[in-house]
Structures are given as structure tokens and as C-alpha cells.
Amino acid sequence: MTLNLKKMTGLFFMVLIGFSAHTARSRLVPPEKKINRILSHEAPFLPPETHSAIREATLELSKKYRIDPLLIIAIMKIESSFRPHVQSNRGAIGLMQIKPIVVLDVASKLSLPSSQPRELLKNVHWNLRIGVHYLFQLLERFDGDFWKALTAYNHGPTSVAQRFKNRPAPSKGYAANVMNLYREFLAVN
């Protein structure tokens, strides 16, 4: 699963390959250690098995979709504050705050049963798998435009496609919050 690199914005390409402006010292820290440190600091309430499940699923999905694991962690923090069973007042569920309608959209692509979307979303592994796949789908839909994909993750792809059809998505709001947190997580030693 790869996107057309010619169509990608510079920022997305940097995220995909894990390039960043963080120090050489922080680059030497393996992603799994950074994830452990971030989860220990940001979510000390997580049971060890949930902490491990989040770390392992994030690393696996990061490799599969070629998205930096710390970006996935940043989205989780913004979306749910690492609370696996949280539900928003708009019906989004779990770590990645996925709406059941998204499950129906991606179920066939991921060979998932779509008859019980709420139950799937309550499972840490499936919630992450669906959320990261959905992010990847949005990146494909918006030709690698990272800002549009992140904005669409939060506001919905139809809204973003209509509002920003012939212009870039603004680099503020939800997308900027995710990116700022991502930069902070990159600097974790």
C-alpha cells in the first residue's frame, strides 16, 4: 500500500518516511520506546495489557501503511486522550474516535464483519486498525494532501472535498493540533 509520491505534499512525505526536524539524539530512540514513554506519561491509567496492545498494534499498522507511529499516537491523544472506551456525543467510539458508519465503509476492504460496528470499535486492536486504514484512505482520496486528510478525519471527507476543492485546507484547527502534538512526540527521548 503506497501512494503516488509525486502527488504527495512535502509534509506528508516527511511523515511517511519518518523524517523530522527533531534532534539526532531523539532519532536514536526506537519508536517502541518513545511510544512506551508517551503512554506511561500521558496515560498512566492504562492497564499494562492495553498499553502493550496499543504499542504493538500501532507499530504493526505503521509498517503496513507507512505512516509514522508517533503520528498515529498523536491522533489517538487528540481524539480520545488514550481512553479506549470513550464515546463522543456524536457517536464516535474508542481510541481513534471512529463512527460506526466508517466501519461500514471499510469493512469489506479489511474483511471485517459489518453487522456489529459498535462492538468492533470497542476492541482496541480493531479500533486502531479501522482508524489507521481510514486515515490511509483519506490520504489516497486527497492525493497525499496531509492537511486535507487530517481535516477530513475530523470533519468528514465530503465536507472537506466541498470546502477545499480548489484550495488547500488551512493549517490550523484539528490538523494543526495533531501536527503540534506529533512534533512534541518526535522530540521525546
N, C-alpha and C. Protein backbone atom coordinates (compact mmCIF):
# COMPACT_ATOMS: atom_id res chain seq x y z
N MET A 1 0.84 -1.17 0.00
CA MET A 1 0.00 0.00 0.00
C MET A 1 0.88 1.23 0.00
N THR A 2 0.99 1.87 -1.12
CA THR A 2 1.76 3.11 -1.20
C THR A 2 0.99 4.11 -2.03
N LEU A 3 1.27 5.36 -1.76
CA LEU A 3 0.66 6.44 -2.51
C LEU A 3 1.62 6.91 -3.59
N ASN A 4 1.11 7.59 -4.57
CA ASN A 4 1.94 8.17 -5.61
C ASN A 4 2.77 9.29 -4.99
N LEU A 5 4.08 9.08 -4.88
CA LEU A 5 4.96 10.05 -4.23
C LEU A 5 4.97 11.39 -4.95
N LYS A 6 4.74 11.41 -6.25
CA LYS A 6 4.73 12.66 -7.00
C LYS A 6 3.58 13.56 -6.57
N LYS A 7 2.51 12.97 -6.10
CA LYS A 7 1.34 13.75 -5.72
C LYS A 7 1.38 14.20 -4.26
N MET A 8 2.31 13.66 -3.49
CA MET A 8 2.32 13.96 -2.07
C MET A 8 2.89 15.33 -1.77
N THR A 9 2.33 15.98 -0.78
CA THR A 9 2.93 17.22 -0.32
C THR A 9 4.19 16.89 0.43
N GLY A 10 5.08 17.84 0.54
CA GLY A 10 6.34 17.63 1.23
C GLY A 10 6.14 17.18 2.66
N LEU A 11 5.19 17.77 3.35
CA LEU A 11 4.98 17.41 4.75
C LEU A 11 4.57 15.96 4.90
N PHE A 12 3.63 15.50 4.05
CA PHE A 12 3.19 14.12 4.17
C PHE A 12 4.33 13.17 3.88
N PHE A 13 5.13 13.48 2.87
CA PHE A 13 6.27 12.63 2.56
C PHE A 13 7.19 12.51 3.77
N MET A 14 7.42 13.62 4.47
CA MET A 14 8.28 13.57 5.65
C MET A 14 7.67 12.67 6.72
N VAL A 15 6.38 12.76 6.90
CA VAL A 15 5.72 11.92 7.90
C VAL A 15 5.81 10.46 7.50
N LEU A 16 5.59 10.18 6.22
CA LEU A 16 5.63 8.79 5.76
C LEU A 16 6.98 8.14 6.01
N ILE A 17 8.05 8.85 5.75
CA ILE A 17 9.36 8.22 5.90
C ILE A 17 9.95 8.45 7.28
N GLY A 18 9.21 9.12 8.14
CA GLY A 18 9.68 9.31 9.50
C GLY A 18 10.70 10.41 9.63
N PHE A 19 10.86 11.26 8.60
CA PHE A 19 11.81 12.35 8.66
C PHE A 19 11.22 13.46 9.52
N SER A 20 12.05 14.10 10.30
CA SER A 20 11.58 15.24 11.07
C SER A 20 12.76 16.11 11.46
N ALA A 21 12.44 17.23 12.05
CA ALA A 21 13.48 18.16 12.45
C ALA A 21 13.92 17.92 13.89
N HIS A 22 13.52 16.81 14.49
CA HIS A 22 13.93 16.57 15.86
C HIS A 22 15.41 16.23 15.92
N THR A 23 15.97 16.29 17.08
CA THR A 23 17.42 16.16 17.24
C THR A 23 17.92 14.77 16.90
N ALA A 24 19.19 14.71 16.60
CA ALA A 24 19.80 13.42 16.27
C ALA A 24 19.67 12.46 17.45
N ARG A 25 19.75 13.00 18.64
CA ARG A 25 19.65 12.14 19.84
C ARG A 25 18.27 11.48 19.92
N SER A 26 17.21 12.23 19.66
CA SER A 26 15.86 11.64 19.76
C SER A 26 15.59 10.67 18.61
N ARG A 27 16.29 10.84 17.48
CA ARG A 27 16.12 9.90 16.38
C ARG A 27 16.65 8.52 16.75
N LEU A 28 17.57 8.47 17.67
CA LEU A 28 18.16 7.20 18.05
C LEU A 28 17.26 6.37 18.96
N VAL A 29 16.25 7.02 19.52
CA VAL A 29 15.33 6.30 20.40
C VAL A 29 14.34 5.54 19.52
N PRO A 30 14.30 4.21 19.64
CA PRO A 30 13.37 3.42 18.82
C PRO A 30 11.92 3.83 19.08
N PRO A 31 11.07 3.74 18.04
CA PRO A 31 9.67 4.16 18.20
C PRO A 31 8.95 3.45 19.34
N GLU A 32 9.24 2.15 19.53
CA GLU A 32 8.52 1.45 20.61
C GLU A 32 8.86 2.03 21.97
N LYS A 33 10.09 2.50 22.16
CA LYS A 33 10.45 3.12 23.44
C LYS A 33 9.78 4.48 23.60
N LYS A 34 9.71 5.23 22.50
CA LYS A 34 9.02 6.52 22.56
C LYS A 34 7.55 6.30 22.89
N ILE A 35 6.93 5.32 22.24
CA ILE A 35 5.52 5.04 22.50
C ILE A 35 5.33 4.64 23.96
N ASN A 36 6.21 3.80 24.48
CA ASN A 36 6.12 3.41 25.90
C ASN A 36 6.21 4.63 26.80
N ARG A 37 7.15 5.52 26.52
CA ARG A 37 7.33 6.72 27.35
C ARG A 37 6.11 7.64 27.26
N ILE A 38 5.61 7.81 26.04
CA ILE A 38 4.44 8.67 25.85
C ILE A 38 3.23 8.10 26.58
N LEU A 39 2.97 6.82 26.40
CA LEU A 39 1.81 6.20 27.06
C LEU A 39 1.96 6.22 28.58
N SER A 40 3.15 5.97 29.07
CA SER A 40 3.38 5.99 30.52
C SER A 40 3.13 7.38 31.10
N HIS A 41 3.53 8.40 30.34
CA HIS A 41 3.35 9.77 30.81
C HIS A 41 1.92 10.28 30.60
N GLU A 42 1.38 10.04 29.42
CA GLU A 42 0.07 10.58 29.05
C GLU A 42 -1.11 9.73 29.50
N ALA A 43 -0.88 8.43 29.71
CA ALA A 43 -1.98 7.52 30.04
C ALA A 43 -1.56 6.52 31.11
N PRO A 44 -1.14 7.00 32.28
CA PRO A 44 -0.71 6.07 33.33
C PRO A 44 -1.84 5.18 33.84
N PHE A 45 -3.07 5.52 33.52
CA PHE A 45 -4.25 4.77 33.95
C PHE A 45 -4.47 3.48 33.14
N LEU A 46 -3.77 3.35 32.01
CA LEU A 46 -3.97 2.16 31.17
C LEU A 46 -3.40 0.91 31.83
N PRO A 47 -4.14 -0.18 31.82
CA PRO A 47 -3.58 -1.44 32.31
C PRO A 47 -2.42 -1.86 31.40
N PRO A 48 -1.45 -2.60 31.93
CA PRO A 48 -0.28 -3.00 31.12
C PRO A 48 -0.66 -3.71 29.82
N GLU A 49 -1.69 -4.55 29.85
CA GLU A 49 -2.05 -5.28 28.63
C GLU A 49 -2.62 -4.34 27.56
N THR A 50 -3.33 -3.30 27.96
CA THR A 50 -3.85 -2.32 27.00
C THR A 50 -2.71 -1.48 26.45
N HIS A 51 -1.82 -1.07 27.33
CA HIS A 51 -0.62 -0.32 26.93
C HIS A 51 0.15 -1.10 25.86
N SER A 52 0.38 -2.38 26.12
CA SER A 52 1.10 -3.24 25.16
C SER A 52 0.32 -3.41 23.86
N ALA A 53 -0.99 -3.60 23.97
CA ALA A 53 -1.82 -3.78 22.77
C ALA A 53 -1.77 -2.54 21.89
N ILE A 54 -1.83 -1.35 22.50
CA ILE A 54 -1.76 -0.11 21.73
C ILE A 54 -0.40 0.01 21.04
N ARG A 55 0.66 -0.25 21.79
CA ARG A 55 2.01 -0.14 21.22
C ARG A 55 2.19 -1.11 20.05
N GLU A 56 1.85 -2.37 20.26
CA GLU A 56 2.06 -3.38 19.22
C GLU A 56 1.21 -3.11 17.97
N ALA A 57 -0.05 -2.78 18.18
CA ALA A 57 -0.93 -2.51 17.03
C ALA A 57 -0.46 -1.26 16.28
N THR A 58 -0.04 -0.25 17.00
CA THR A 58 0.44 0.98 16.36
C THR A 58 1.68 0.70 15.52
N LEU A 59 2.61 -0.06 16.05
CA LEU A 59 3.83 -0.38 15.30
C LEU A 59 3.52 -1.22 14.07
N GLU A 60 2.64 -2.20 14.22
CA GLU A 60 2.26 -3.06 13.09
C GLU A 60 1.58 -2.25 11.99
N LEU A 61 0.62 -1.41 12.36
CA LEU A 61 -0.11 -0.63 11.38
C LEU A 61 0.76 0.45 10.74
N SER A 62 1.67 0.97 11.50
CA SER A 62 2.62 1.95 10.98
C SER A 62 3.43 1.37 9.84
N LYS A 63 3.89 0.15 10.02
CA LYS A 63 4.66 -0.51 8.96
C LYS A 63 3.77 -0.84 7.76
N LYS A 64 2.60 -1.33 8.03
CA LYS A 64 1.70 -1.73 6.95
C LYS A 64 1.31 -0.54 6.06
N TYR A 65 1.00 0.59 6.68
CA TYR A 65 0.51 1.75 5.94
C TYR A 65 1.58 2.82 5.71
N ARG A 66 2.78 2.58 6.22
CA ARG A 66 3.89 3.51 6.08
C ARG A 66 3.55 4.90 6.62
N ILE A 67 2.96 4.91 7.79
CA ILE A 67 2.65 6.16 8.48
C ILE A 67 3.40 6.12 9.81
N ASP A 68 4.06 7.20 10.15
CA ASP A 68 4.85 7.26 11.36
C ASP A 68 4.01 6.86 12.57
N PRO A 69 4.50 5.94 13.41
CA PRO A 69 3.71 5.51 14.57
C PRO A 69 3.42 6.66 15.55
N LEU A 70 4.31 7.63 15.61
CA LEU A 70 4.07 8.76 16.52
C LEU A 70 2.95 9.66 16.02
N LEU A 71 2.72 9.69 14.73
CA LEU A 71 1.56 10.41 14.20
C LEU A 71 0.28 9.70 14.62
N ILE A 72 0.27 8.40 14.54
CA ILE A 72 -0.89 7.61 14.97
C ILE A 72 -1.15 7.86 16.46
N ILE A 73 -0.09 7.86 17.24
CA ILE A 73 -0.20 8.12 18.69
C ILE A 73 -0.74 9.53 18.93
N ALA A 74 -0.28 10.51 18.15
CA ALA A 74 -0.76 11.89 18.30
C ALA A 74 -2.26 11.98 18.01
N ILE A 75 -2.71 11.29 16.96
CA ILE A 75 -4.14 11.29 16.64
C ILE A 75 -4.93 10.68 17.80
N MET A 76 -4.43 9.56 18.34
CA MET A 76 -5.10 8.93 19.48
C MET A 76 -5.24 9.87 20.66
N LYS A 77 -4.15 10.59 20.97
CA LYS A 77 -4.16 11.52 22.10
C LYS A 77 -5.19 12.62 21.88
N ILE A 78 -5.20 13.21 20.68
CA ILE A 78 -6.15 14.28 20.38
C ILE A 78 -7.59 13.75 20.40
N GLU A 79 -7.79 12.58 19.80
CA GLU A 79 -9.14 12.03 19.67
C GLU A 79 -9.73 11.54 20.99
N SER A 80 -8.95 10.81 21.78
CA SER A 80 -9.54 10.12 22.93
C SER A 80 -8.77 10.26 24.24
N SER A 81 -7.65 10.95 24.22
CA SER A 81 -6.77 11.03 25.40
C SER A 81 -6.41 9.63 25.88
N PHE A 82 -6.30 8.71 24.93
CA PHE A 82 -5.91 7.32 25.18
C PHE A 82 -6.92 6.54 26.02
N ARG A 83 -8.16 6.97 25.98
CA ARG A 83 -9.22 6.24 26.70
C ARG A 83 -9.91 5.30 25.71
N PRO A 84 -9.65 3.99 25.81
CA PRO A 84 -10.13 3.03 24.82
C PRO A 84 -11.64 2.93 24.67
N HIS A 85 -12.39 3.23 25.69
CA HIS A 85 -13.84 3.00 25.64
C HIS A 85 -14.65 4.29 25.62
N VAL A 86 -13.99 5.41 25.38
CA VAL A 86 -14.69 6.69 25.36
C VAL A 86 -15.61 6.76 24.14
N GLN A 87 -16.74 7.42 24.33
CA GLN A 87 -17.68 7.64 23.24
C GLN A 87 -18.05 9.11 23.22
N SER A 88 -17.97 9.72 22.03
CA SER A 88 -18.28 11.14 21.91
C SER A 88 -19.79 11.34 21.86
N ASN A 89 -20.20 12.59 22.03
CA ASN A 89 -21.63 12.89 21.94
C ASN A 89 -22.14 12.79 20.50
N ARG A 90 -21.23 12.62 19.53
CA ARG A 90 -21.61 12.42 18.13
C ARG A 90 -21.53 10.96 17.71
N GLY A 91 -21.25 10.07 18.68
CA GLY A 91 -21.28 8.64 18.39
C GLY A 91 -19.96 8.02 17.99
N ALA A 92 -18.87 8.80 18.01
CA ALA A 92 -17.55 8.24 17.69
C ALA A 92 -17.06 7.44 18.90
N ILE A 93 -16.36 6.32 18.63
CA ILE A 93 -16.02 5.37 19.68
C ILE A 93 -14.53 5.05 19.69
N GLY A 94 -13.99 4.92 20.90
CA GLY A 94 -12.66 4.36 21.10
C GLY A 94 -11.48 5.28 20.90
N LEU A 95 -10.31 4.68 20.89
CA LEU A 95 -9.04 5.40 20.82
C LEU A 95 -8.96 6.35 19.62
N MET A 96 -9.40 5.89 18.47
CA MET A 96 -9.31 6.69 17.25
C MET A 96 -10.61 7.44 16.96
N GLN A 97 -11.60 7.33 17.85
CA GLN A 97 -12.89 8.01 17.72
C GLN A 97 -13.51 7.80 16.33
N ILE A 98 -13.83 6.56 16.07
CA ILE A 98 -14.40 6.15 14.78
C ILE A 98 -15.92 6.04 14.92
N LYS A 99 -16.61 6.57 13.92
CA LYS A 99 -18.07 6.43 13.88
C LYS A 99 -18.42 5.09 13.24
N PRO A 100 -19.51 4.47 13.68
CA PRO A 100 -19.91 3.19 13.09
C PRO A 100 -20.07 3.23 11.57
N ILE A 101 -20.44 4.37 11.01
CA ILE A 101 -20.60 4.47 9.55
C ILE A 101 -19.27 4.22 8.84
N VAL A 102 -18.16 4.58 9.48
CA VAL A 102 -16.83 4.34 8.88
C VAL A 102 -16.56 2.83 8.81
N VAL A 103 -17.00 2.10 9.81
CA VAL A 103 -16.83 0.64 9.79
C VAL A 103 -17.54 0.06 8.58
N LEU A 104 -18.73 0.53 8.32
CA LEU A 104 -19.48 0.04 7.16
C LEU A 104 -18.73 0.36 5.86
N ASP A 105 -18.06 1.49 5.84
CA ASP A 105 -17.31 1.90 4.65
C ASP A 105 -16.07 1.04 4.42
N VAL A 106 -15.36 0.68 5.48
CA VAL A 106 -14.08 -0.04 5.31
C VAL A 106 -14.18 -1.53 5.59
N ALA A 107 -15.31 -2.00 6.05
CA ALA A 107 -15.44 -3.41 6.46
C ALA A 107 -15.02 -4.39 5.38
N SER A 108 -15.48 -4.19 4.17
CA SER A 108 -15.15 -5.14 3.11
C SER A 108 -13.67 -5.09 2.76
N LYS A 109 -13.07 -3.92 2.82
CA LYS A 109 -11.64 -3.78 2.50
C LYS A 109 -10.75 -4.46 3.53
N LEU A 110 -11.24 -4.54 4.76
CA LEU A 110 -10.46 -5.15 5.84
C LEU A 110 -10.97 -6.53 6.21
N SER A 111 -11.92 -7.07 5.45
CA SER A 111 -12.53 -8.38 5.73
C SER A 111 -13.11 -8.43 7.14
N LEU A 112 -13.86 -7.40 7.48
CA LEU A 112 -14.49 -7.31 8.80
C LEU A 112 -15.97 -7.61 8.70
N PRO A 113 -16.52 -8.20 9.73
CA PRO A 113 -17.98 -8.32 9.76
C PRO A 113 -18.56 -6.94 10.04
N SER A 114 -19.49 -6.49 9.25
CA SER A 114 -20.03 -5.14 9.45
C SER A 114 -21.35 -5.14 10.22
N SER A 115 -21.76 -6.29 10.70
CA SER A 115 -23.06 -6.38 11.38
C SER A 115 -23.03 -5.80 12.80
N GLN A 116 -21.87 -5.74 13.41
CA GLN A 116 -21.76 -5.23 14.78
C GLN A 116 -20.69 -4.14 14.87
N PRO A 117 -20.85 -3.00 14.17
CA PRO A 117 -19.78 -1.99 14.14
C PRO A 117 -19.41 -1.43 15.51
N ARG A 118 -20.39 -1.24 16.38
CA ARG A 118 -20.09 -0.69 17.71
C ARG A 118 -19.22 -1.65 18.53
N GLU A 119 -19.49 -2.92 18.41
CA GLU A 119 -18.69 -3.92 19.13
C GLU A 119 -17.25 -3.96 18.62
N LEU A 120 -17.09 -3.88 17.30
CA LEU A 120 -15.74 -3.85 16.73
C LEU A 120 -14.96 -2.65 17.25
N LEU A 121 -15.62 -1.49 17.31
CA LEU A 121 -14.94 -0.27 17.70
C LEU A 121 -14.55 -0.24 19.18
N LYS A 122 -15.16 -1.08 19.98
CA LYS A 122 -14.80 -1.15 21.40
C LYS A 122 -13.55 -1.98 21.63
N ASN A 123 -13.12 -2.71 20.62
CA ASN A 123 -11.91 -3.52 20.69
C ASN A 123 -10.71 -2.66 20.27
N VAL A 124 -9.69 -2.57 21.13
CA VAL A 124 -8.53 -1.72 20.89
C VAL A 124 -7.89 -2.02 19.54
N HIS A 125 -7.63 -3.28 19.26
CA HIS A 125 -6.95 -3.65 18.01
C HIS A 125 -7.78 -3.24 16.80
N TRP A 126 -9.06 -3.55 16.80
CA TRP A 126 -9.90 -3.25 15.64
C TRP A 126 -10.10 -1.75 15.50
N ASN A 127 -10.24 -1.04 16.60
CA ASN A 127 -10.42 0.40 16.54
C ASN A 127 -9.20 1.05 15.88
N LEU A 128 -8.01 0.63 16.28
CA LEU A 128 -6.80 1.17 15.68
C LEU A 128 -6.69 0.78 14.21
N ARG A 129 -6.97 -0.46 13.92
CA ARG A 129 -6.87 -0.94 12.53
C ARG A 129 -7.82 -0.17 11.62
N ILE A 130 -9.04 0.03 12.06
CA ILE A 130 -10.02 0.75 11.27
C ILE A 130 -9.61 2.22 11.14
N GLY A 131 -9.18 2.83 12.24
CA GLY A 131 -8.78 4.24 12.22
C GLY A 131 -7.60 4.52 11.32
N VAL A 132 -6.57 3.70 11.38
CA VAL A 132 -5.39 3.92 10.55
C VAL A 132 -5.71 3.63 9.08
N HIS A 133 -6.50 2.61 8.83
CA HIS A 133 -6.91 2.33 7.45
C HIS A 133 -7.72 3.51 6.90
N TYR A 134 -8.60 4.04 7.70
CA TYR A 134 -9.41 5.18 7.28
C TYR A 134 -8.52 6.39 6.98
N LEU A 135 -7.55 6.66 7.83
CA LEU A 135 -6.61 7.76 7.58
C LEU A 135 -5.90 7.53 6.25
N PHE A 136 -5.45 6.31 6.01
CA PHE A 136 -4.77 5.99 4.76
C PHE A 136 -5.70 6.22 3.56
N GLN A 137 -6.95 5.81 3.69
CA GLN A 137 -7.95 6.03 2.63
C GLN A 137 -8.11 7.52 2.34
N LEU A 138 -8.12 8.32 3.40
CA LEU A 138 -8.26 9.76 3.22
C LEU A 138 -7.04 10.35 2.53
N LEU A 139 -5.87 9.86 2.86
CA LEU A 139 -4.66 10.32 2.20
C LEU A 139 -4.70 9.99 0.71
N GLU A 140 -5.21 8.82 0.39
CA GLU A 140 -5.36 8.45 -1.03
C GLU A 140 -6.39 9.36 -1.71
N ARG A 141 -7.50 9.56 -1.06
CA ARG A 141 -8.58 10.37 -1.65
C ARG A 141 -8.12 11.80 -1.94
N PHE A 142 -7.31 12.34 -1.03
CA PHE A 142 -6.86 13.73 -1.18
C PHE A 142 -5.44 13.81 -1.75
N ASP A 143 -5.07 12.80 -2.52
CA ASP A 143 -3.79 12.78 -3.24
C ASP A 143 -2.59 13.11 -2.35
N GLY A 144 -2.60 12.58 -1.14
CA GLY A 144 -1.47 12.75 -0.24
C GLY A 144 -1.45 14.10 0.46
N ASP A 145 -2.48 14.91 0.28
CA ASP A 145 -2.52 16.20 0.96
C ASP A 145 -2.82 15.95 2.44
N PHE A 146 -1.76 16.03 3.21
CA PHE A 146 -1.82 15.68 4.62
C PHE A 146 -2.82 16.54 5.38
N TRP A 147 -2.83 17.85 5.12
CA TRP A 147 -3.72 18.75 5.85
C TRP A 147 -5.19 18.44 5.54
N LYS A 148 -5.47 18.15 4.29
CA LYS A 148 -6.86 17.80 3.93
C LYS A 148 -7.25 16.47 4.55
N ALA A 149 -6.34 15.50 4.53
CA ALA A 149 -6.66 14.19 5.10
C ALA A 149 -6.93 14.28 6.59
N LEU A 150 -6.11 15.02 7.32
CA LEU A 150 -6.34 15.17 8.75
C LEU A 150 -7.63 15.96 9.02
N THR A 151 -7.85 17.00 8.26
CA THR A 151 -9.09 17.77 8.44
C THR A 151 -10.30 16.88 8.14
N ALA A 152 -10.20 16.06 7.10
CA ALA A 152 -11.29 15.14 6.75
C ALA A 152 -11.49 14.09 7.83
N TYR A 153 -10.42 13.65 8.48
CA TYR A 153 -10.55 12.67 9.57
C TYR A 153 -11.46 13.25 10.65
N ASN A 154 -11.36 14.53 10.87
CA ASN A 154 -12.14 15.19 11.92
C ASN A 154 -13.50 15.69 11.45
N HIS A 155 -13.57 16.26 10.25
CA HIS A 155 -14.81 16.90 9.78
C HIS A 155 -15.57 16.09 8.75
N GLY A 156 -14.97 15.02 8.25
CA GLY A 156 -15.61 14.21 7.23
C GLY A 156 -15.11 14.56 5.84
N PRO A 157 -14.92 13.53 5.01
CA PRO A 157 -14.33 13.75 3.69
C PRO A 157 -15.21 14.56 2.74
N THR A 158 -16.52 14.40 2.81
CA THR A 158 -17.39 15.13 1.91
C THR A 158 -17.30 16.62 2.17
N SER A 159 -17.35 16.99 3.43
CA SER A 159 -17.24 18.40 3.82
C SER A 159 -15.93 19.01 3.34
N VAL A 160 -14.84 18.30 3.55
CA VAL A 160 -13.52 18.81 3.16
C VAL A 160 -13.42 18.90 1.64
N ALA A 161 -13.92 17.90 0.93
CA ALA A 161 -13.86 17.91 -0.53
C ALA A 161 -14.64 19.10 -1.09
N GLN A 162 -15.76 19.43 -0.47
CA GLN A 162 -16.56 20.56 -0.95
C GLN A 162 -15.93 21.90 -0.57
N ARG A 163 -15.52 22.03 0.66
CA ARG A 163 -15.00 23.31 1.16
C ARG A 163 -13.63 23.67 0.59
N PHE A 164 -12.80 22.66 0.33
CA PHE A 164 -11.42 22.93 -0.09
C PHE A 164 -11.11 22.32 -1.45
N LYS A 165 -12.12 22.31 -2.31
CA LYS A 165 -11.96 21.68 -3.63
C LYS A 165 -10.80 22.27 -4.42
N ASN A 166 -10.73 23.56 -4.50
CA ASN A 166 -9.72 24.23 -5.32
C ASN A 166 -8.72 25.04 -4.50
N ARG A 167 -8.62 24.72 -3.25
CA ARG A 167 -7.66 25.44 -2.41
C ARG A 167 -7.19 24.52 -1.29
N PRO A 168 -6.06 24.84 -0.71
CA PRO A 168 -5.55 23.98 0.35
C PRO A 168 -6.38 24.11 1.64
N ALA A 169 -6.38 23.05 2.40
CA ALA A 169 -7.02 23.10 3.72
C ALA A 169 -6.16 23.98 4.62
N PRO A 170 -6.78 24.70 5.52
CA PRO A 170 -5.98 25.56 6.40
C PRO A 170 -5.10 24.73 7.33
N SER A 171 -3.95 25.27 7.64
CA SER A 171 -3.03 24.58 8.55
C SER A 171 -3.26 25.07 9.97
N LYS A 172 -4.50 24.95 10.40
CA LYS A 172 -4.88 25.33 11.77
C LYS A 172 -5.95 24.37 12.24
N GLY A 173 -6.47 24.59 13.42
CA GLY A 173 -7.53 23.75 13.95
C GLY A 173 -7.06 22.34 14.27
N TYR A 174 -7.91 21.38 13.98
CA TYR A 174 -7.63 19.98 14.32
C TYR A 174 -6.31 19.51 13.74
N ALA A 175 -6.09 19.73 12.45
CA ALA A 175 -4.87 19.26 11.79
C ALA A 175 -3.63 19.86 12.46
N ALA A 176 -3.67 21.14 12.77
CA ALA A 176 -2.53 21.78 13.43
C ALA A 176 -2.32 21.22 14.83
N ASN A 177 -3.40 20.94 15.54
CA ASN A 177 -3.28 20.35 16.88
C ASN A 177 -2.59 19.00 16.81
N VAL A 178 -2.99 18.17 15.84
CA VAL A 178 -2.35 16.87 15.67
C VAL A 178 -0.88 17.05 15.34
N MET A 179 -0.59 17.94 14.40
CA MET A 179 0.81 18.13 13.98
C MET A 179 1.68 18.68 15.10
N ASN A 180 1.16 19.60 15.89
CA ASN A 180 1.93 20.14 17.01
C ASN A 180 2.25 19.04 18.02
N LEU A 181 1.27 18.22 18.32
CA LEU A 181 1.49 17.11 19.24
C LEU A 181 2.46 16.09 18.65
N TYR A 182 2.32 15.83 17.38
CA TYR A 182 3.25 14.92 16.69
C TYR A 182 4.68 15.42 16.82
N ARG A 183 4.90 16.71 16.61
CA ARG A 183 6.25 17.27 16.75
C ARG A 183 6.76 17.10 18.19
N GLU A 184 5.88 17.31 19.16
CA GLU A 184 6.27 17.10 20.57
C GLU A 184 6.68 15.65 20.79
N PHE A 185 5.90 14.73 20.27
CA PHE A 185 6.20 13.31 20.45
C PHE A 185 7.48 12.91 19.74
N LEU A 186 7.78 13.53 18.60
CA LEU A 186 9.04 13.26 17.92
C LEU A 186 10.25 13.60 18.78
N ALA A 187 10.08 14.63 19.60
CA ALA A 187 11.20 15.10 20.43
C ALA A 187 11.39 14.30 21.72
N VAL A 188 10.49 13.36 22.00
CA VAL A 188 10.60 12.53 23.22
C VAL A 188 11.89 11.72 23.17
N ASN A 189 12.62 11.78 24.25
CA ASN A 189 13.87 10.99 24.35
C ASN A 189 13.70 9.81 25.27
